[in-house]
Amino acid sequence: MADQDLYRNKLRNRACAVIVSDEYILLAKHNSPTREEPIWMPPGGGIQFGEPAKEALIREVKEETGLIVEPIRLIWIHEFLEDPYHAIEFYFECSIAGGALKLGEDPEHTSENQILLDLKFIPFKETGSISLYPSFLKESCKNNGKLPENILHVITSPQV
C-alpha cells in the first residue's frame, strides 16, 4: 500500500487521461493508498495549485507513461469520498500526440516507494477480469470503449 500520509485528510484534485485505441484502453497498475490490492486505472495525477487541469494532465501522463497527449474533451467528473480520502478527479478523453510508451515514476514518491507497477494497453474484453477503477470505466469498457456524449458527474462514496 502506498504512503498514506500523502493523501489522508486532504482534498486532492486529479486529472486523468482516458486513451482508447481500437479495442484497447491504456491503464496503469498502482499500489493505491485506498485499496489493499493493486488496482488498474487511467494514467494521471495531482493538479498543483495554480496549474490548469489540462496542463496537469499532460504533465502527469508524460511522467507516468512517456507519452505526450492531446486532451480532446472532459468526459467525467468523479468525486471520490472514502474517509479519510477525498479526491475530485477530472477524466479527459485524450489522443496520443507523441512520445514512447514506457512505465514512468511518480515524483511524489521515493524510488523505493513507487506506486506505479505496470502500464499497458488492455483489451476491453479483458477489463472485466482486472481490478479496474473507478467502476464507471468498467461500464464504458463493456460497451467497447464508448465514452459519454456529455460530461457525467459520478460520486463514489460509502454513503451513496
N, C-alpha and C. Protein backbone atom coordinates (compact mmCIF):
# COMPACT_ATOMS: atom_id res chain seq x y z
N MET A 1 0.85 -1.18 0.00
CA MET A 1 0.00 0.00 0.00
C MET A 1 0.90 1.24 0.00
N ALA A 2 0.50 2.27 -0.70
CA ALA A 2 1.29 3.49 -0.84
C ALA A 2 1.35 4.27 0.47
N ASP A 3 2.29 5.21 0.53
CA ASP A 3 2.42 6.08 1.70
C ASP A 3 1.13 6.87 1.88
N GLN A 4 0.35 6.50 2.87
CA GLN A 4 -0.99 7.06 3.06
C GLN A 4 -0.98 8.50 3.54
N ASP A 5 0.07 8.92 4.24
CA ASP A 5 0.08 10.28 4.79
C ASP A 5 0.04 11.35 3.70
N LEU A 6 0.49 11.03 2.51
CA LEU A 6 0.45 12.00 1.41
C LEU A 6 -0.98 12.33 0.99
N TYR A 7 -1.90 11.43 1.25
CA TYR A 7 -3.25 11.56 0.71
C TYR A 7 -4.37 11.63 1.76
N ARG A 8 -4.09 11.30 2.99
CA ARG A 8 -5.12 11.27 4.04
C ARG A 8 -5.55 12.68 4.44
N ASN A 9 -6.86 12.81 4.71
CA ASN A 9 -7.43 14.04 5.27
C ASN A 9 -7.08 15.29 4.48
N LYS A 10 -7.02 15.14 3.16
CA LYS A 10 -6.75 16.27 2.27
C LYS A 10 -7.67 16.15 1.07
N LEU A 11 -8.08 17.29 0.55
CA LEU A 11 -8.81 17.28 -0.71
C LEU A 11 -7.78 17.28 -1.82
N ARG A 12 -7.86 16.29 -2.68
CA ARG A 12 -6.94 16.16 -3.79
C ARG A 12 -7.69 16.36 -5.09
N ASN A 13 -7.16 17.20 -5.97
CA ASN A 13 -7.71 17.36 -7.32
C ASN A 13 -6.78 16.63 -8.27
N ARG A 14 -7.38 15.82 -9.15
CA ARG A 14 -6.58 15.00 -10.06
C ARG A 14 -7.09 15.15 -11.49
N ALA A 15 -6.18 14.99 -12.45
CA ALA A 15 -6.53 14.98 -13.86
C ALA A 15 -6.08 13.64 -14.43
N CYS A 16 -6.97 12.95 -15.16
CA CYS A 16 -6.70 11.61 -15.65
C CYS A 16 -7.01 11.52 -17.15
N ALA A 17 -6.25 10.69 -17.85
CA ALA A 17 -6.39 10.55 -19.30
C ALA A 17 -7.06 9.23 -19.67
N VAL A 18 -8.13 9.32 -20.43
CA VAL A 18 -8.77 8.13 -20.98
C VAL A 18 -8.29 8.04 -22.43
N ILE A 19 -7.42 7.06 -22.68
CA ILE A 19 -6.81 6.89 -24.00
C ILE A 19 -7.28 5.56 -24.55
N VAL A 20 -8.11 5.64 -25.57
CA VAL A 20 -8.69 4.47 -26.21
C VAL A 20 -8.10 4.36 -27.61
N SER A 21 -7.66 3.15 -27.95
CA SER A 21 -7.12 2.89 -29.28
C SER A 21 -7.67 1.56 -29.76
N ASP A 22 -8.44 1.62 -30.84
CA ASP A 22 -9.12 0.42 -31.37
C ASP A 22 -9.94 -0.22 -30.26
N GLU A 23 -9.59 -1.42 -29.85
CA GLU A 23 -10.35 -2.13 -28.83
C GLU A 23 -9.59 -2.22 -27.51
N TYR A 24 -8.75 -1.20 -27.25
CA TYR A 24 -7.89 -1.19 -26.08
C TYR A 24 -8.02 0.12 -25.32
N ILE A 25 -7.71 0.06 -24.01
CA ILE A 25 -7.64 1.26 -23.18
C ILE A 25 -6.30 1.23 -22.45
N LEU A 26 -5.64 2.38 -22.35
CA LEU A 26 -4.37 2.47 -21.65
C LEU A 26 -4.64 2.57 -20.15
N LEU A 27 -4.03 1.66 -19.39
CA LEU A 27 -4.22 1.64 -17.94
C LEU A 27 -2.88 1.49 -17.23
N ALA A 28 -2.79 2.08 -16.05
CA ALA A 28 -1.61 1.96 -15.20
C ALA A 28 -2.00 1.18 -13.95
N LYS A 29 -1.14 0.27 -13.55
CA LYS A 29 -1.37 -0.51 -12.33
C LYS A 29 -0.69 0.23 -11.18
N HIS A 30 -1.46 0.46 -10.11
CA HIS A 30 -0.99 1.25 -8.96
C HIS A 30 -1.10 0.47 -7.66
N ASN A 31 -0.20 0.76 -6.75
CA ASN A 31 -0.39 0.45 -5.34
C ASN A 31 -1.15 1.64 -4.80
N SER A 32 -2.45 1.53 -4.72
CA SER A 32 -3.28 2.65 -4.30
C SER A 32 -3.33 2.78 -2.79
N PRO A 33 -3.29 4.00 -2.27
CA PRO A 33 -3.42 4.16 -0.82
C PRO A 33 -4.82 3.81 -0.31
N THR A 34 -5.79 3.69 -1.22
CA THR A 34 -7.17 3.44 -0.81
C THR A 34 -7.58 1.97 -0.89
N ARG A 35 -6.70 1.12 -1.39
CA ARG A 35 -7.04 -0.30 -1.57
C ARG A 35 -5.91 -1.18 -1.05
N GLU A 36 -6.27 -2.38 -0.59
CA GLU A 36 -5.27 -3.35 -0.11
C GLU A 36 -4.49 -3.96 -1.26
N GLU A 37 -5.18 -4.22 -2.36
CA GLU A 37 -4.56 -4.86 -3.53
C GLU A 37 -4.31 -3.81 -4.61
N PRO A 38 -3.33 -4.05 -5.50
CA PRO A 38 -3.11 -3.11 -6.61
C PRO A 38 -4.35 -2.99 -7.50
N ILE A 39 -4.51 -1.81 -8.10
CA ILE A 39 -5.63 -1.55 -9.00
C ILE A 39 -5.12 -1.01 -10.32
N TRP A 40 -5.95 -1.13 -11.35
CA TRP A 40 -5.68 -0.56 -12.66
C TRP A 40 -6.57 0.66 -12.84
N MET A 41 -5.99 1.73 -13.36
CA MET A 41 -6.76 2.94 -13.62
C MET A 41 -6.06 3.75 -14.71
N PRO A 42 -6.76 4.71 -15.31
CA PRO A 42 -6.12 5.54 -16.32
C PRO A 42 -4.97 6.35 -15.72
N PRO A 43 -3.96 6.64 -16.53
CA PRO A 43 -2.85 7.45 -16.03
C PRO A 43 -3.32 8.86 -15.68
N GLY A 44 -2.65 9.46 -14.71
CA GLY A 44 -2.98 10.81 -14.29
C GLY A 44 -2.51 11.05 -12.89
N GLY A 45 -2.80 12.23 -12.37
CA GLY A 45 -2.37 12.53 -11.01
C GLY A 45 -2.77 13.91 -10.57
N GLY A 46 -2.11 14.36 -9.53
CA GLY A 46 -2.47 15.58 -8.85
C GLY A 46 -2.28 16.85 -9.65
N ILE A 47 -3.24 17.75 -9.48
CA ILE A 47 -3.17 19.09 -10.07
C ILE A 47 -2.52 19.98 -9.03
N GLN A 48 -1.46 20.67 -9.41
CA GLN A 48 -0.78 21.57 -8.49
C GLN A 48 -1.52 22.90 -8.40
N PHE A 49 -1.37 23.58 -7.26
CA PHE A 49 -2.01 24.87 -7.08
C PHE A 49 -1.60 25.82 -8.20
N GLY A 50 -2.59 26.45 -8.84
CA GLY A 50 -2.34 27.40 -9.91
C GLY A 50 -2.13 26.76 -11.28
N GLU A 51 -2.18 25.45 -11.37
CA GLU A 51 -1.95 24.73 -12.63
C GLU A 51 -3.29 24.37 -13.26
N PRO A 52 -3.52 24.76 -14.52
CA PRO A 52 -4.75 24.35 -15.19
C PRO A 52 -4.82 22.82 -15.30
N ALA A 53 -6.04 22.29 -15.20
CA ALA A 53 -6.23 20.83 -15.22
C ALA A 53 -5.63 20.18 -16.47
N LYS A 54 -5.81 20.80 -17.63
CA LYS A 54 -5.27 20.19 -18.85
C LYS A 54 -3.75 20.16 -18.85
N GLU A 55 -3.11 21.18 -18.27
CA GLU A 55 -1.65 21.17 -18.18
C GLU A 55 -1.18 20.09 -17.20
N ALA A 56 -1.90 19.94 -16.09
CA ALA A 56 -1.57 18.87 -15.13
C ALA A 56 -1.71 17.51 -15.79
N LEU A 57 -2.75 17.34 -16.57
CA LEU A 57 -3.00 16.09 -17.28
C LEU A 57 -1.81 15.76 -18.18
N ILE A 58 -1.39 16.71 -19.00
CA ILE A 58 -0.28 16.48 -19.93
C ILE A 58 0.99 16.14 -19.16
N ARG A 59 1.27 16.87 -18.08
CA ARG A 59 2.46 16.62 -17.26
C ARG A 59 2.42 15.24 -16.61
N GLU A 60 1.30 14.92 -15.98
CA GLU A 60 1.17 13.65 -15.27
C GLU A 60 1.27 12.45 -16.21
N VAL A 61 0.63 12.54 -17.36
CA VAL A 61 0.68 11.43 -18.31
C VAL A 61 2.11 11.23 -18.82
N LYS A 62 2.81 12.31 -19.09
CA LYS A 62 4.21 12.23 -19.53
C LYS A 62 5.07 11.57 -18.45
N GLU A 63 4.88 11.97 -17.17
CA GLU A 63 5.64 11.39 -16.07
C GLU A 63 5.38 9.89 -15.92
N GLU A 64 4.13 9.48 -16.06
CA GLU A 64 3.76 8.09 -15.81
C GLU A 64 3.96 7.17 -17.01
N THR A 65 3.82 7.72 -18.23
CA THR A 65 3.78 6.85 -19.41
C THR A 65 4.81 7.15 -20.49
N GLY A 66 5.44 8.32 -20.45
CA GLY A 66 6.35 8.72 -21.52
C GLY A 66 5.62 9.27 -22.73
N LEU A 67 4.30 9.28 -22.70
CA LEU A 67 3.50 9.74 -23.85
C LEU A 67 3.16 11.23 -23.72
N ILE A 68 3.05 11.88 -24.86
CA ILE A 68 2.55 13.24 -24.93
C ILE A 68 1.12 13.12 -25.43
N VAL A 69 0.18 13.67 -24.65
CA VAL A 69 -1.22 13.54 -25.02
C VAL A 69 -1.81 14.89 -25.38
N GLU A 70 -2.87 14.81 -26.16
CA GLU A 70 -3.67 15.97 -26.53
C GLU A 70 -5.05 15.78 -25.92
N PRO A 71 -5.40 16.59 -24.91
CA PRO A 71 -6.75 16.48 -24.34
C PRO A 71 -7.79 16.87 -25.39
N ILE A 72 -8.82 16.04 -25.54
CA ILE A 72 -9.89 16.29 -26.50
C ILE A 72 -11.07 16.96 -25.81
N ARG A 73 -11.53 16.32 -24.72
CA ARG A 73 -12.68 16.89 -24.00
C ARG A 73 -12.80 16.23 -22.64
N LEU A 74 -13.41 16.96 -21.73
CA LEU A 74 -13.72 16.44 -20.40
C LEU A 74 -14.92 15.51 -20.52
N ILE A 75 -14.81 14.30 -19.93
CA ILE A 75 -15.93 13.35 -20.05
C ILE A 75 -16.54 12.95 -18.70
N TRP A 76 -15.73 12.91 -17.65
CA TRP A 76 -16.25 12.56 -16.33
C TRP A 76 -15.66 13.48 -15.28
N ILE A 77 -16.48 13.83 -14.30
CA ILE A 77 -16.00 14.43 -13.07
C ILE A 77 -16.38 13.44 -11.98
N HIS A 78 -15.38 12.95 -11.29
CA HIS A 78 -15.58 11.90 -10.29
C HIS A 78 -15.21 12.43 -8.91
N GLU A 79 -16.16 12.35 -7.99
CA GLU A 79 -15.88 12.69 -6.60
C GLU A 79 -15.70 11.39 -5.83
N PHE A 80 -14.51 11.19 -5.32
CA PHE A 80 -14.17 10.00 -4.55
C PHE A 80 -14.16 10.38 -3.07
N LEU A 81 -15.05 9.78 -2.30
CA LEU A 81 -15.18 10.08 -0.87
C LEU A 81 -15.18 8.78 -0.08
N GLU A 82 -14.04 8.42 0.46
CA GLU A 82 -13.93 7.27 1.35
C GLU A 82 -13.01 7.69 2.48
N ASP A 83 -13.60 8.06 3.61
CA ASP A 83 -12.84 8.58 4.74
C ASP A 83 -11.65 7.68 5.04
N PRO A 84 -10.45 8.22 5.12
CA PRO A 84 -10.02 9.61 5.20
C PRO A 84 -9.58 10.20 3.85
N TYR A 85 -10.06 9.64 2.74
CA TYR A 85 -9.64 10.10 1.41
C TYR A 85 -10.75 10.88 0.73
N HIS A 86 -10.35 11.94 0.03
CA HIS A 86 -11.30 12.75 -0.71
C HIS A 86 -10.57 13.30 -1.94
N ALA A 87 -11.08 12.95 -3.11
CA ALA A 87 -10.47 13.43 -4.36
C ALA A 87 -11.56 13.84 -5.33
N ILE A 88 -11.29 14.87 -6.08
CA ILE A 88 -12.12 15.25 -7.21
C ILE A 88 -11.26 15.02 -8.44
N GLU A 89 -11.74 14.15 -9.32
CA GLU A 89 -10.96 13.72 -10.48
C GLU A 89 -11.64 14.16 -11.76
N PHE A 90 -10.84 14.69 -12.66
CA PHE A 90 -11.32 15.13 -13.97
C PHE A 90 -10.77 14.16 -15.01
N TYR A 91 -11.66 13.43 -15.67
CA TYR A 91 -11.26 12.45 -16.68
C TYR A 91 -11.47 13.05 -18.07
N PHE A 92 -10.37 13.13 -18.82
CA PHE A 92 -10.39 13.70 -20.16
C PHE A 92 -10.17 12.61 -21.20
N GLU A 93 -10.96 12.64 -22.25
CA GLU A 93 -10.66 11.83 -23.42
C GLU A 93 -9.42 12.45 -24.06
N CYS A 94 -8.44 11.62 -24.41
CA CYS A 94 -7.18 12.12 -24.97
C CYS A 94 -6.75 11.31 -26.17
N SER A 95 -5.96 11.96 -27.02
CA SER A 95 -5.29 11.25 -28.11
C SER A 95 -3.79 11.34 -27.86
N ILE A 96 -3.05 10.43 -28.46
CA ILE A 96 -1.59 10.42 -28.32
C ILE A 96 -1.00 11.32 -29.40
N ALA A 97 -0.17 12.28 -28.97
CA ALA A 97 0.44 13.23 -29.90
C ALA A 97 1.94 12.97 -30.08
N GLY A 98 2.52 12.08 -29.28
CA GLY A 98 3.95 11.80 -29.40
C GLY A 98 4.45 11.01 -28.21
N GLY A 99 5.78 10.88 -28.15
CA GLY A 99 6.41 10.14 -27.07
C GLY A 99 6.45 8.66 -27.33
N ALA A 100 6.97 7.92 -26.37
CA ALA A 100 7.07 6.46 -26.46
C ALA A 100 6.58 5.86 -25.15
N LEU A 101 5.75 4.84 -25.24
CA LEU A 101 5.16 4.22 -24.06
C LEU A 101 6.23 3.53 -23.22
N LYS A 102 6.36 3.99 -21.97
CA LYS A 102 7.26 3.35 -21.00
C LYS A 102 6.76 3.68 -19.60
N LEU A 103 6.91 2.74 -18.69
CA LEU A 103 6.49 2.95 -17.32
C LEU A 103 7.37 4.02 -16.69
N GLY A 104 6.73 5.06 -16.17
CA GLY A 104 7.46 6.15 -15.55
C GLY A 104 7.44 6.05 -14.04
N GLU A 105 7.61 7.21 -13.40
CA GLU A 105 7.65 7.27 -11.94
C GLU A 105 6.74 8.39 -11.46
N ASP A 106 6.33 8.27 -10.21
CA ASP A 106 5.56 9.32 -9.57
C ASP A 106 6.52 10.13 -8.71
N PRO A 107 6.77 11.40 -9.07
CA PRO A 107 7.76 12.19 -8.34
C PRO A 107 7.37 12.49 -6.88
N GLU A 108 6.13 12.23 -6.51
CA GLU A 108 5.71 12.42 -5.12
C GLU A 108 6.27 11.33 -4.20
N HIS A 109 6.78 10.26 -4.80
CA HIS A 109 7.26 9.11 -4.03
C HIS A 109 8.74 8.86 -4.30
N THR A 110 9.43 8.33 -3.30
CA THR A 110 10.83 7.97 -3.48
C THR A 110 10.94 6.77 -4.42
N SER A 111 12.14 6.50 -4.91
CA SER A 111 12.32 5.40 -5.85
C SER A 111 12.00 4.05 -5.21
N GLU A 112 12.19 3.92 -3.89
CA GLU A 112 11.86 2.65 -3.25
C GLU A 112 10.40 2.54 -2.85
N ASN A 113 9.64 3.62 -2.98
CA ASN A 113 8.24 3.61 -2.58
C ASN A 113 7.31 4.03 -3.74
N GLN A 114 7.67 3.65 -4.95
CA GLN A 114 6.86 4.00 -6.12
C GLN A 114 5.52 3.27 -6.08
N ILE A 115 4.47 3.95 -6.55
CA ILE A 115 3.14 3.33 -6.57
C ILE A 115 2.82 2.75 -7.95
N LEU A 116 3.55 3.17 -8.99
CA LEU A 116 3.31 2.66 -10.34
C LEU A 116 3.98 1.30 -10.50
N LEU A 117 3.21 0.31 -10.92
CA LEU A 117 3.72 -1.05 -11.04
C LEU A 117 3.80 -1.55 -12.47
N ASP A 118 2.87 -1.10 -13.31
CA ASP A 118 2.81 -1.62 -14.68
C ASP A 118 2.01 -0.63 -15.53
N LEU A 119 2.12 -0.78 -16.82
CA LEU A 119 1.46 0.12 -17.76
C LEU A 119 1.25 -0.64 -19.05
N LYS A 120 0.00 -0.66 -19.55
CA LYS A 120 -0.22 -1.31 -20.85
C LYS A 120 -1.60 -1.00 -21.40
N PHE A 121 -1.71 -1.22 -22.71
CA PHE A 121 -3.00 -1.17 -23.36
C PHE A 121 -3.67 -2.52 -23.12
N ILE A 122 -4.84 -2.49 -22.53
CA ILE A 122 -5.57 -3.71 -22.19
C ILE A 122 -6.82 -3.78 -23.05
N PRO A 123 -7.08 -4.95 -23.67
CA PRO A 123 -8.30 -5.08 -24.47
C PRO A 123 -9.55 -4.88 -23.60
N PHE A 124 -10.55 -4.22 -24.17
CA PHE A 124 -11.80 -4.00 -23.44
C PHE A 124 -12.34 -5.30 -22.87
N LYS A 125 -12.27 -6.38 -23.66
CA LYS A 125 -12.85 -7.66 -23.24
C LYS A 125 -12.14 -8.26 -22.02
N GLU A 126 -10.92 -7.78 -21.69
CA GLU A 126 -10.19 -8.29 -20.53
C GLU A 126 -10.36 -7.43 -19.29
N THR A 127 -10.98 -6.26 -19.42
CA THR A 127 -11.09 -5.35 -18.27
C THR A 127 -12.05 -5.86 -17.20
N GLY A 128 -12.93 -6.78 -17.55
CA GLY A 128 -13.85 -7.35 -16.56
C GLY A 128 -13.15 -8.26 -15.57
N SER A 129 -11.94 -8.72 -15.90
CA SER A 129 -11.23 -9.66 -15.02
C SER A 129 -10.10 -9.00 -14.23
N ILE A 130 -10.00 -7.68 -14.29
CA ILE A 130 -8.96 -6.98 -13.52
C ILE A 130 -9.62 -6.03 -12.51
N SER A 131 -8.85 -5.55 -11.55
CA SER A 131 -9.34 -4.58 -10.57
C SER A 131 -9.27 -3.19 -11.21
N LEU A 132 -10.30 -2.84 -11.97
CA LEU A 132 -10.35 -1.58 -12.71
C LEU A 132 -11.14 -0.56 -11.92
N TYR A 133 -10.55 0.61 -11.71
CA TYR A 133 -11.21 1.70 -11.00
C TYR A 133 -11.07 2.97 -11.81
N PRO A 134 -11.99 3.89 -11.67
CA PRO A 134 -13.27 3.78 -10.97
C PRO A 134 -14.25 2.89 -11.73
N SER A 135 -15.30 2.50 -11.05
CA SER A 135 -16.22 1.50 -11.59
C SER A 135 -16.92 1.94 -12.87
N PHE A 136 -17.13 3.23 -13.07
CA PHE A 136 -17.81 3.65 -14.30
C PHE A 136 -16.98 3.35 -15.55
N LEU A 137 -15.68 3.15 -15.40
CA LEU A 137 -14.85 2.76 -16.55
C LEU A 137 -15.20 1.35 -17.01
N LYS A 138 -15.58 0.49 -16.05
CA LYS A 138 -15.96 -0.87 -16.41
C LYS A 138 -17.13 -0.86 -17.37
N GLU A 139 -18.11 0.00 -17.11
CA GLU A 139 -19.27 0.09 -17.99
C GLU A 139 -18.87 0.55 -19.39
N SER A 140 -18.00 1.53 -19.45
CA SER A 140 -17.53 2.03 -20.73
C SER A 140 -16.80 0.93 -21.50
N CYS A 141 -15.97 0.17 -20.81
CA CYS A 141 -15.22 -0.91 -21.46
C CYS A 141 -16.15 -2.04 -21.91
N LYS A 142 -17.21 -2.32 -21.14
CA LYS A 142 -18.19 -3.33 -21.56
C LYS A 142 -18.86 -2.93 -22.86
N ASN A 143 -18.96 -1.63 -23.10
CA ASN A 143 -19.57 -1.10 -24.32
C ASN A 143 -18.52 -0.74 -25.36
N ASN A 144 -17.45 -1.54 -25.42
CA ASN A 144 -16.37 -1.36 -26.40
C ASN A 144 -15.75 0.03 -26.37
N GLY A 145 -15.61 0.58 -25.18
CA GLY A 145 -14.94 1.87 -25.01
C GLY A 145 -15.78 3.07 -25.35
N LYS A 146 -17.10 2.88 -25.48
CA LYS A 146 -17.97 4.01 -25.78
C LYS A 146 -17.93 4.99 -24.62
N LEU A 147 -17.54 6.22 -24.94
CA LEU A 147 -17.44 7.28 -23.93
C LEU A 147 -18.71 8.10 -23.93
N PRO A 148 -19.02 8.73 -22.80
CA PRO A 148 -20.26 9.52 -22.73
C PRO A 148 -20.23 10.70 -23.70
N GLU A 149 -21.41 11.04 -24.20
CA GLU A 149 -21.54 12.19 -25.11
C GLU A 149 -21.37 13.50 -24.35
N ASN A 150 -21.91 13.56 -23.14
CA ASN A 150 -21.86 14.75 -22.31
C ASN A 150 -21.06 14.46 -21.05
N ILE A 151 -20.65 15.51 -20.38
CA ILE A 151 -19.90 15.35 -19.14
C ILE A 151 -20.81 14.70 -18.10
N LEU A 152 -20.30 13.64 -17.46
CA LEU A 152 -21.04 12.97 -16.41
C LEU A 152 -20.37 13.22 -15.07
N HIS A 153 -21.18 13.45 -14.04
CA HIS A 153 -20.70 13.64 -12.68
C HIS A 153 -21.02 12.37 -11.91
N VAL A 154 -19.98 11.74 -11.36
CA VAL A 154 -20.14 10.48 -10.65
C VAL A 154 -19.58 10.64 -9.24
N ILE A 155 -20.29 10.11 -8.25
CA ILE A 155 -19.81 10.15 -6.88
C ILE A 155 -19.59 8.73 -6.40
N THR A 156 -18.40 8.45 -5.86
CA THR A 156 -18.11 7.17 -5.24
C THR A 156 -17.95 7.44 -3.76
N SER A 157 -18.86 6.87 -2.99
CA SER A 157 -18.85 7.10 -1.54
C SER A 157 -19.60 5.97 -0.87
N PRO A 158 -19.15 5.56 0.33
CA PRO A 158 -19.91 4.54 1.06
C PRO A 158 -21.34 5.01 1.38
N GLN A 159 -21.57 6.32 1.42
CA GLN A 159 -22.90 6.84 1.74
C GLN A 159 -23.81 6.90 0.52
N VAL A 160 -23.28 6.75 -0.70
CA VAL A 160 -24.11 6.89 -1.91
C VAL A 160 -24.54 5.54 -2.39
